[in-house]
Structures are given as structure tokens and as C-alpha cells.
C-alpha atoms as a PDB file:
ATOM      1  CA  MET A   1      68.054  92.494  97.949  1.00  0.00           C
ATOM      2  CA  ASN A   2      67.495  89.528 100.001  1.00  0.00           C
ATOM      3  CA  PRO A   3      69.945  89.582 102.646  1.00  0.00           C
ATOM      4  CA  MET A   4      70.120  85.560 102.767  1.00  0.00           C
ATOM      5  CA  ASN A   5      71.664  85.971  99.336  1.00  0.00           C
ATOM      6  CA  LYS A   6      75.198  87.574 100.745  1.00  0.00           C
ATOM      7  CA  GLN A   7      75.455  84.415 102.786  1.00  0.00           C
ATOM      8  CA  LYS A   8      77.285  81.788 100.612  1.00  0.00           C
ATOM      9  CA  VAL A   9      76.242  78.217 100.832  1.00  0.00           C
ATOM     10  CA  ALA A  10      77.384  74.303  99.432  1.00  0.00           C
ATOM     11  CA  VAL A  11      75.655  72.209  97.652  1.00  0.00           C
ATOM     12  CA  TYR A  12      76.262  68.826  97.359  1.00  0.00           C
ATOM     13  CA  ARG A  13      75.293  65.753  93.930  1.00  0.00           C
ATOM     14  CA  GLN A  14      76.288  62.326  95.171  1.00  0.00           C
ATOM     15  CA  GLU A  15      76.697  59.868  91.953  1.00  0.00           C
ATOM     16  CA  HIS A  16      77.863  56.705  91.063  1.00  0.00           C
ATOM     17  CA  PHE A  17      79.766  54.315  89.187  1.00  0.00           C
ATOM     18  CA  ASN A  18      81.432  51.347  88.348  1.00  0.00           C
ATOM     19  CA  ALA A  19      84.809  51.015  86.805  1.00  0.00           C
ATOM     20  CA  ALA A  20      87.942  48.977  86.341  1.00  0.00           C
ATOM     21  CA  HIS A  21      91.752  50.077  87.000  1.00  0.00           C
ATOM     22  CA  ARG A  22      95.510  48.882  87.006  1.00  0.00           C
ATOM     23  CA  LEU A  23      97.988  51.431  89.296  1.00  0.00           C
ATOM     24  CA  TYR A  24     101.224  51.215  86.939  1.00  0.00           C
ATOM     25  CA  ASN A  25     104.089  52.595  85.522  1.00  0.00           C
ATOM     26  CA  PRO A  26     104.992  51.171  82.703  1.00  0.00           C
ATOM     27  CA  SER A  27     109.121  52.654  83.430  1.00  0.00           C
ATOM     28  CA  TRP A  28     109.408  50.334  86.561  1.00  0.00           C
ATOM     29  CA  SER A  29     110.202  46.800  86.404  1.00  0.00           C
ATOM     30  CA  ASP A  30     107.283  44.604  87.240  1.00  0.00           C
ATOM     31  CA  GLN A  31     108.878  44.249  90.756  1.00  0.00           C
ATOM     32  CA  GLN A  32     108.859  47.659  91.168  1.00  0.00           C
ATOM     33  CA  ASN A  33     105.191  48.154  90.045  1.00  0.00           C
ATOM     34  CA  ASN A  34     104.137  45.025  92.589  1.00  0.00           C
ATOM     35  CA  ALA A  35     106.174  46.767  95.149  1.00  0.00           C
ATOM     36  CA  VAL A  36     104.399  50.091  94.943  1.00  0.00           C
ATOM     37  CA  PHE A  37     100.967  48.769  93.528  1.00  0.00           C
ATOM     38  CA  GLY A  38     100.609  45.771  95.331  1.00  0.00           C
ATOM     39  CA  LYS A  39      97.045  44.030  94.275  1.00  0.00           C
ATOM     40  CA  CYS A  40      95.985  47.411  92.843  1.00  0.00           C
ATOM     41  CA  ASN A  41      98.679  46.486  89.806  1.00  0.00           C
ATOM     42  CA  ASN A  42      97.056  43.497  88.157  1.00  0.00           C
ATOM     43  CA  PRO A  43      97.471  42.802  84.817  1.00  0.00           C
ATOM     44  CA  SER A  44      93.995  41.900  85.203  1.00  0.00           C
ATOM     45  CA  PHE A  45      92.849  44.629  86.199  1.00  0.00           C
ATOM     46  CA  HIS A  46      90.668  45.028  89.473  1.00  0.00           C
ATOM     47  CA  GLY A  47      87.118  47.351  90.208  1.00  0.00           C
ATOM     48  CA  HIS A  48      85.725  49.960  91.953  1.00  0.00           C
ATOM     49  CA  ASN A  49      82.157  50.779  93.480  1.00  0.00           C
ATOM     50  CA  TYR A  50      83.103  54.829  93.113  1.00  0.00           C
ATOM     51  CA  GLU A  51      80.981  57.239  95.489  1.00  0.00           C
ATOM     52  CA  LEU A  52      80.964  61.040  94.183  1.00  0.00           C
ATOM     53  CA  VAL A  53      80.356  64.045  95.716  1.00  0.00           C
ATOM     54  CA  VAL A  54      80.599  67.358  94.344  1.00  0.00           C
ATOM     55  CA  LYS A  55      80.639  70.340  95.595  1.00  0.00           C
ATOM     56  CA  VAL A  56      79.518  73.711  94.261  1.00  0.00           C
ATOM     57  CA  SER A  57      79.652  77.142  97.145  1.00  0.00           C
ATOM     58  CA  GLY A  58      77.927  80.721  96.063  1.00  0.00           C
ATOM     59  CA  TYR A  59      75.769  82.549  97.149  1.00  0.00           C
ATOM     60  CA  PRO A  60      72.138  81.604  95.819  1.00  0.00           C
ATOM     61  CA  HIS A  61      70.250  83.392  93.071  1.00  0.00           C
ATOM     62  CA  PRO A  62      68.157  86.299  93.801  1.00  0.00           C
ATOM     63  CA  ASP A  63      65.178  85.022  91.792  1.00  0.00           C
ATOM     64  CA  THR A  64      65.555  81.254  92.665  1.00  0.00           C
ATOM     65  CA  GLY A  65      67.631  80.812  95.951  1.00  0.00           C
ATOM     66  CA  TYR A  66      69.468  78.416  94.207  1.00  0.00           C
ATOM     67  CA  VAL A  67      73.289  77.722  94.186  1.00  0.00           C
ATOM     68  CA  MET A  68      73.082  75.731  91.545  1.00  0.00           C
ATOM     69  CA  ASP A  69      70.091  73.830  90.687  1.00  0.00           C
ATOM     70  CA  MET A  70      70.430  70.376  91.314  1.00  0.00           C
ATOM     71  CA  LYS A  71      69.156  68.797  88.251  1.00  0.00           C
ATOM     72  CA  VAL A  72      71.569  70.717  86.059  1.00  0.00           C
ATOM     73  CA  LEU A  73      74.024  69.837  88.124  1.00  0.00           C
ATOM     74  CA  SER A  74      73.117  66.015  88.194  1.00  0.00           C
ATOM     75  CA  ASP A  75      72.660  66.592  84.453  1.00  0.00           C
ATOM     76  CA  LEU A  76      76.417  67.402  84.235  1.00  0.00           C
ATOM     77  CA  ILE A  77      77.683  64.538  86.018  1.00  0.00           C
ATOM     78  CA  HIS A  78      76.166  62.439  83.997  1.00  0.00           C
ATOM     79  CA  ARG A  79      76.717  63.764  80.528  1.00  0.00           C
ATOM     80  CA  GLU A  80      80.391  64.369  81.265  1.00  0.00           C
ATOM     81  CA  VAL A  81      81.896  61.684  84.137  1.00  0.00           C
ATOM     82  CA  LEU A  82      79.190  58.356  84.410  1.00  0.00           C
ATOM     83  CA  ASP A  83      78.898  58.616  80.489  1.00  0.00           C
ATOM     84  CA  ARG A  84      82.819  58.672  79.917  1.00  0.00           C
ATOM     85  CA  PHE A  85      83.565  56.363  82.842  1.00  0.00           C
ATOM     86  CA  ASP A  86      80.760  53.885  84.348  1.00  0.00           C
ATOM     87  CA  HIS A  87      81.313  50.496  83.722  1.00  0.00           C
ATOM     88  CA  LYS A  88      84.282  51.045  81.367  1.00  0.00           C
ATOM     89  CA  ASN A  89      88.437  50.315  82.522  1.00  0.00           C
ATOM     90  CA  LEU A  90      89.475  53.631  83.026  1.00  0.00           C
ATOM     91  CA  ASN A  91      93.075  52.144  81.360  1.00  0.00           C
ATOM     92  CA  LEU A  92      91.646  50.928  78.126  1.00  0.00           C
ATOM     93  CA  ASP A  93      88.477  52.282  77.291  1.00  0.00           C
ATOM     94  CA  THR A  94      89.179  55.995  78.387  1.00  0.00           C
ATOM     95  CA  VAL A  95      91.562  58.567  76.745  1.00  0.00           C
ATOM     96  CA  GLU A  96      91.736  60.486  80.090  1.00  0.00           C
ATOM     97  CA  PHE A  97      93.987  57.945  81.120  1.00  0.00           C
ATOM     98  CA  GLN A  98      95.738  56.552  77.834  1.00  0.00           C
ATOM     99  CA  ASN A  99      99.041  57.997  79.553  1.00  0.00           C
ATOM    100  CA  LEU A 100      98.006  59.077  83.209  1.00  0.00           C
ATOM    101  CA  ASN A 101      98.049  56.522  86.342  1.00  0.00           C
ATOM    102  CA  PRO A 102      93.948  55.893  87.463  1.00  0.00           C
ATOM    103  CA  THR A 103      94.711  56.721  90.686  1.00  0.00           C
ATOM    104  CA  ALA A 104      91.841  57.569  92.956  1.00  0.00           C
ATOM    105  CA  GLU A 105      93.554  61.246  93.236  1.00  0.00           C
ATOM    106  CA  HIS A 106      93.954  61.644  89.491  1.00  0.00           C
ATOM    107  CA  ILE A 107      90.480  60.586  88.743  1.00  0.00           C
ATOM    108  CA  ALA A 108      89.514  63.286  90.965  1.00  0.00           C
ATOM    109  CA  MET A 109      91.225  65.198  89.363  1.00  0.00           C
ATOM    110  CA  VAL A 110      89.835  64.312  86.034  1.00  0.00           C
ATOM    111  CA  ILE A 111      86.579  64.915  86.870  1.00  0.00           C
ATOM    112  CA  TYR A 112      87.150  68.133  88.734  1.00  0.00           C
ATOM    113  CA  GLY A 113      88.573  69.457  84.451  1.00  0.00           C
ATOM    114  CA  LEU A 114      85.502  67.774  83.110  1.00  0.00           C
ATOM    115  CA  LEU A 115      83.383  70.069  85.189  1.00  0.00           C
ATOM    116  CA  ARG A 116      84.450  72.891  86.196  1.00  0.00           C
ATOM    117  CA  PRO A 117      84.217  74.494  82.433  1.00  0.00           C
ATOM    118  CA  HIS A 118      80.380  74.210  82.425  1.00  0.00           C
ATOM    119  CA  ILE A 119      80.208  75.777  86.149  1.00  0.00           C
ATOM    120  CA  ASP A 120      80.009  79.235  86.876  1.00  0.00           C
ATOM    121  CA  PRO A 121      83.439  80.756  87.665  1.00  0.00           C
ATOM    122  CA  ALA A 122      82.193  82.283  90.537  1.00  0.00           C
ATOM    123  CA  MET A 123      81.413  79.493  92.308  1.00  0.00           C
ATOM    124  CA  GLU A 124      83.564  77.563  93.873  1.00  0.00           C
ATOM    125  CA  VAL A 125      84.006  73.559  92.987  1.00  0.00           C
ATOM    126  CA  GLN A 126      85.261  70.538  94.870  1.00  0.00           C
ATOM    127  CA  VAL A 127      85.430  67.003  94.175  1.00  0.00           C
ATOM    128  CA  ARG A 128      85.214  64.082  96.636  1.00  0.00           C
ATOM    129  CA  LEU A 129      85.832  60.940  95.503  1.00  0.00           C
ATOM    130  CA  TYR A 130      85.350  57.445  97.092  1.00  0.00           C
ATOM    131  CA  GLU A 131      87.002  54.492  96.111  1.00  0.00           C
ATOM    132  CA  THR A 132      86.248  52.417  99.130  1.00  0.00           C
ATOM    133  CA  PRO A 133      84.441  53.488 101.901  1.00  0.00           C
ATOM    134  CA  ARG A 134      87.055  54.547 103.797  1.00  0.00           C
ATOM    135  CA  ASN A 135      89.494  55.879 101.470  1.00  0.00           C
ATOM    136  CA  PHE A 136      88.324  58.777  99.503  1.00  0.00           C
ATOM    137  CA  VAL A 137      90.075  61.747  97.738  1.00  0.00           C
ATOM    138  CA  GLU A 138      89.107  65.591  97.595  1.00  0.00           C
ATOM    139  CA  TYR A 139      90.470  68.227  94.880  1.00  0.00           C
ATOM    140  CA  PRO A 140      90.931  70.608  95.321  1.00  0.00           C
ATOM    141  CA  ALA A 141      92.388  70.285  99.027  1.00  0.00           C
END
């Protein structure tokens, strides 16, 4: 066995999608929603150009040298995330956010849940989601 295959490596795939949402808690008054969520509570919704970075960590396969084939990872992200969320209203057009406030934190957690079952359990997976160039979340933390 190649001694290089005993060293853990992280690979990253970056993708982009656009989506609209509204941050709103239906059990709160309009005043409380406005106080907590501000402009993000706009009843007409608002949108973001999300940048998604998926990190997969593991040991390179002895035959290929890959932690994970990046084309396979890209296809997975397109199928499970982009096809589902890109150019959608997260509140109205997706089952994932019908009863879940689509905060960046929740979106990252949902994306992780969509991807994780399709990636070798021996590998670690992390989702980083940029809502703006200066605001991003990571899951798991």
C-alpha cells in the first residue's frame, strides 16, 4: 500500500444557486417578525446568490488516488441540491421548507441531509453556505 494513502485529505466542490425566501415565524406577530428578521421578513420575499462549498474528507483510494471523484460529487450536488433549490422560492416551491424557516443555518443543514446518504460513511462531509460574500454558515460546525 502506498504510504500516501494513509494521510487524510479534504476535497472541495463549489457550486452556485439563486433562491428567494422569507424569514418568518408564523407563531409570532408581524411586529415581532419585523423586529427579529427586519428586511428578511418582506412578505414579497427577497433573494440571494448562494455560494455552496461541499467539503469531503477521507483517505485517497489506493487505485485512483481520489478521496472522491469530483465529477461524481458535482453531479450529486446538481441532482440533490441545485435541481431542487436553484431559481426557486424556498418557502413556496420546496417541501423541505414548508414548515422550516429557510435561514442560512437551516438551508445548510438541509443540504447536508440531502448529500450525506450518498457519500461513503467513512468520509466526513461539511457544507459551507455563503448567503452573502460576508455571511456564511458551516454544518456540521
